[in-house]
Amino acid sequence: MSATLSYQSGFGNEFETECLPGALPVGRNSPQRCA
């Protein structure tokens, strides 16, 4: 039995979702600031 899983991308509790496919830039949605 195999299942197809899809995961949300994100770090910790910072998840990204999009209403329209391609709405978010890939690899550039990072709300954290480096100190």
PDB file of N, CA and C in Angstrom:
ATOM      1  N   MET A   1       0.842  -1.182   0.000  1.00  0.00           N
ATOM      2  CA  MET A   1       0.000   0.000   0.000  1.00  0.00           C
ATOM      3  C   MET A   1       0.886   1.244   0.000  1.00  0.00           C
ATOM      4  N   SER A   2       0.725   2.096  -0.983  1.00  0.00           N
ATOM      5  CA  SER A   2       1.516   3.319  -1.040  1.00  0.00           C
ATOM      6  C   SER A   2       0.590   4.526  -0.945  1.00  0.00           C
ATOM      7  N   ALA A   3       1.079   5.543  -0.275  1.00  0.00           N
ATOM      8  CA  ALA A   3       0.296   6.773  -0.113  1.00  0.00           C
ATOM      9  C   ALA A   3       1.102   7.945  -0.658  1.00  0.00           C
ATOM     10  N   THR A   4       0.423   8.844  -1.315  1.00  0.00           N
ATOM     11  CA  THR A   4       1.078  10.050  -1.808  1.00  0.00           C
ATOM     12  C   THR A   4       0.880  11.152  -0.777  1.00  0.00           C
ATOM     13  N   LEU A   5       1.968  11.624  -0.219  1.00  0.00           N
ATOM     14  CA  LEU A   5       1.904  12.653   0.815  1.00  0.00           C
ATOM     15  C   LEU A   5       2.377  13.981   0.254  1.00  0.00           C
ATOM     16  N   SER A   6       1.733  15.056   0.682  1.00  0.00           N
ATOM     17  CA  SER A   6       2.216  16.389   0.313  1.00  0.00           C
ATOM     18  C   SER A   6       2.374  17.194   1.590  1.00  0.00           C
ATOM     19  N   TYR A   7       3.522  17.815   1.736  1.00  0.00           N
ATOM     20  CA  TYR A   7       3.854  18.560   2.942  1.00  0.00           C
ATOM     21  C   TYR A   7       3.891  20.052   2.648  1.00  0.00           C
ATOM     22  N   GLN A   8       3.592  20.852   3.683  1.00  0.00           N
ATOM     23  CA  GLN A   8       3.753  22.300   3.550  1.00  0.00           C
ATOM     24  C   GLN A   8       5.209  22.631   3.808  1.00  0.00           C
ATOM     25  N   SER A   9       5.735  23.578   3.042  1.00  0.00           N
ATOM     26  CA  SER A   9       7.099  24.017   3.301  1.00  0.00           C
ATOM     27  C   SER A   9       7.064  25.093   4.371  1.00  0.00           C
ATOM     28  N   GLY A  10       8.110  25.150   5.182  1.00  0.00           N
ATOM     29  CA  GLY A  10       8.167  26.150   6.234  1.00  0.00           C
ATOM     30  C   GLY A  10       9.204  25.764   7.272  1.00  0.00           C
ATOM     31  N   PHE A  11       9.427  26.640   8.229  1.00  0.00           N
ATOM     32  CA  PHE A  11      10.414  26.420   9.277  1.00  0.00           C
ATOM     33  C   PHE A  11       9.728  26.641  10.615  1.00  0.00           C
ATOM     34  N   GLY A  12       9.740  25.631  11.492  1.00  0.00           N
ATOM     35  CA  GLY A  12       9.069  25.770  12.785  1.00  0.00           C
ATOM     36  C   GLY A  12       7.576  25.965  12.584  1.00  0.00           C
ATOM     37  N   ASN A  13       7.052  27.077  13.044  1.00  0.00           N
ATOM     38  CA  ASN A  13       5.630  27.370  12.882  1.00  0.00           C
ATOM     39  C   ASN A  13       5.377  28.355  11.757  1.00  0.00           C
ATOM     40  N   GLU A  14       6.373  28.681  10.970  1.00  0.00           N
ATOM     41  CA  GLU A  14       6.217  29.624   9.856  1.00  0.00           C
ATOM     42  C   GLU A  14       5.945  28.827   8.583  1.00  0.00           C
ATOM     43  N   PHE A  15       4.676  28.681   8.230  1.00  0.00           N
ATOM     44  CA  PHE A  15       4.309  27.932   7.037  1.00  0.00           C
ATOM     45  C   PHE A  15       3.879  28.887   5.939  1.00  0.00           C
ATOM     46  N   GLU A  16       4.068  28.474   4.718  1.00  0.00           N
ATOM     47  CA  GLU A  16       3.634  29.285   3.584  1.00  0.00           C
ATOM     48  C   GLU A  16       2.561  28.527   2.822  1.00  0.00           C
ATOM     49  N   THR A  17       1.509  29.240   2.456  1.00  0.00           N
ATOM     50  CA  THR A  17       0.453  28.665   1.638  1.00  0.00           C
ATOM     51  C   THR A  17       0.160  29.653   0.519  1.00  0.00           C
ATOM     52  N   GLU A  18      -0.445  29.187  -0.520  1.00  0.00           N
ATOM     53  CA  GLU A  18      -0.785  30.080  -1.622  1.00  0.00           C
ATOM     54  C   GLU A  18      -2.170  29.739  -2.151  1.00  0.00           C
ATOM     55  N   CYS A  19      -2.953  30.772  -2.391  1.00  0.00           N
ATOM     56  CA  CYS A  19      -4.299  30.599  -2.930  1.00  0.00           C
ATOM     57  C   CYS A  19      -4.217  30.227  -4.412  1.00  0.00           C
ATOM     58  N   LEU A  20      -3.332  30.886  -5.123  1.00  0.00           N
ATOM     59  CA  LEU A  20      -3.124  30.620  -6.542  1.00  0.00           C
ATOM     60  C   LEU A  20      -1.753  29.991  -6.733  1.00  0.00           C
ATOM     61  N   PRO A  21      -1.642  28.937  -7.529  1.00  0.00           N
ATOM     62  CA  PRO A  21      -0.337  28.316  -7.771  1.00  0.00           C
ATOM     63  C   PRO A  21       0.652  29.329  -8.355  1.00  0.00           C
ATOM     64  N   GLY A  22       1.866  29.360  -7.783  1.00  0.00           N
ATOM     65  CA  GLY A  22       2.888  30.273  -8.271  1.00  0.00           C
ATOM     66  C   GLY A  22       2.800  31.673  -7.691  1.00  0.00           C
ATOM     67  N   ALA A  23       1.936  31.886  -6.676  1.00  0.00           N
ATOM     68  CA  ALA A  23       1.764  33.222  -6.100  1.00  0.00           C
ATOM     69  C   ALA A  23       2.968  33.645  -5.257  1.00  0.00           C
ATOM     70  N   LEU A  24       3.638  32.691  -4.621  1.00  0.00           N
ATOM     71  CA  LEU A  24       4.790  33.011  -3.778  1.00  0.00           C
ATOM     72  C   LEU A  24       6.086  32.735  -4.525  1.00  0.00           C
ATOM     73  N   PRO A  25       7.080  33.602  -4.370  1.00  0.00           N
ATOM     74  CA  PRO A  25       8.382  33.331  -4.982  1.00  0.00           C
ATOM     75  C   PRO A  25       9.059  32.154  -4.282  1.00  0.00           C
ATOM     76  N   VAL A  26       9.565  31.216  -5.031  1.00  0.00           N
ATOM     77  CA  VAL A  26      10.183  30.015  -4.470  1.00  0.00           C
ATOM     78  C   VAL A  26      11.521  30.370  -3.833  1.00  0.00           C
ATOM     79  N   GLY A  27      11.708  29.979  -2.559  1.00  0.00           N
ATOM     80  CA  GLY A  27      12.966  30.211  -1.867  1.00  0.00           C
ATOM     81  C   GLY A  27      13.183  31.626  -1.379  1.00  0.00           C
ATOM     82  N   ARG A  28      12.185  32.497  -1.489  1.00  0.00           N
ATOM     83  CA  ARG A  28      12.376  33.888  -1.072  1.00  0.00           C
ATOM     84  C   ARG A  28      11.364  34.342  -0.029  1.00  0.00           C
ATOM     85  N   ASN A  29      10.533  33.423   0.484  1.00  0.00           N
ATOM     86  CA  ASN A  29       9.555  33.787   1.503  1.00  0.00           C
ATOM     87  C   ASN A  29      10.141  33.468   2.868  1.00  0.00           C
ATOM     88  N   SER A  30      10.933  34.384   3.423  1.00  0.00           N
ATOM     89  CA  SER A  30      11.608  34.167   4.695  1.00  0.00           C
ATOM     90  C   SER A  30      11.324  35.336   5.628  1.00  0.00           C
ATOM     91  N   PRO A  31      10.304  35.219   6.496  1.00  0.00           N
ATOM     92  CA  PRO A  31       9.948  36.335   7.363  1.00  0.00           C
ATOM     93  C   PRO A  31      10.925  36.578   8.508  1.00  0.00           C
ATOM     94  N   GLN A  32      11.845  35.640   8.771  1.00  0.00           N
ATOM     95  CA  GLN A  32      12.793  35.823   9.862  1.00  0.00           C
ATOM     96  C   GLN A  32      13.914  36.768   9.439  1.00  0.00           C
ATOM     97  N   ARG A  33      14.444  37.501  10.407  1.00  0.00           N
ATOM     98  CA  ARG A  33      15.594  38.378  10.138  1.00  0.00           C
ATOM     99  C   ARG A  33      16.836  37.794  10.797  1.00  0.00           C
ATOM    100  N   CYS A  34      17.922  37.739  10.084  1.00  0.00           N
ATOM    101  CA  CYS A  34      19.178  37.251  10.648  1.00  0.00           C
ATOM    102  C   CYS A  34      19.799  38.347  11.495  1.00  0.00           C
ATOM    103  N   ALA A  35      20.321  37.975  12.649  1.00  0.00           N
ATOM    104  CA  ALA A  35      20.926  38.965  13.549  1.00  0.00           C
ATOM    105  C   ALA A  35      22.400  39.138  13.236  1.00  0.00           C
TER     106      ALA A  35
END
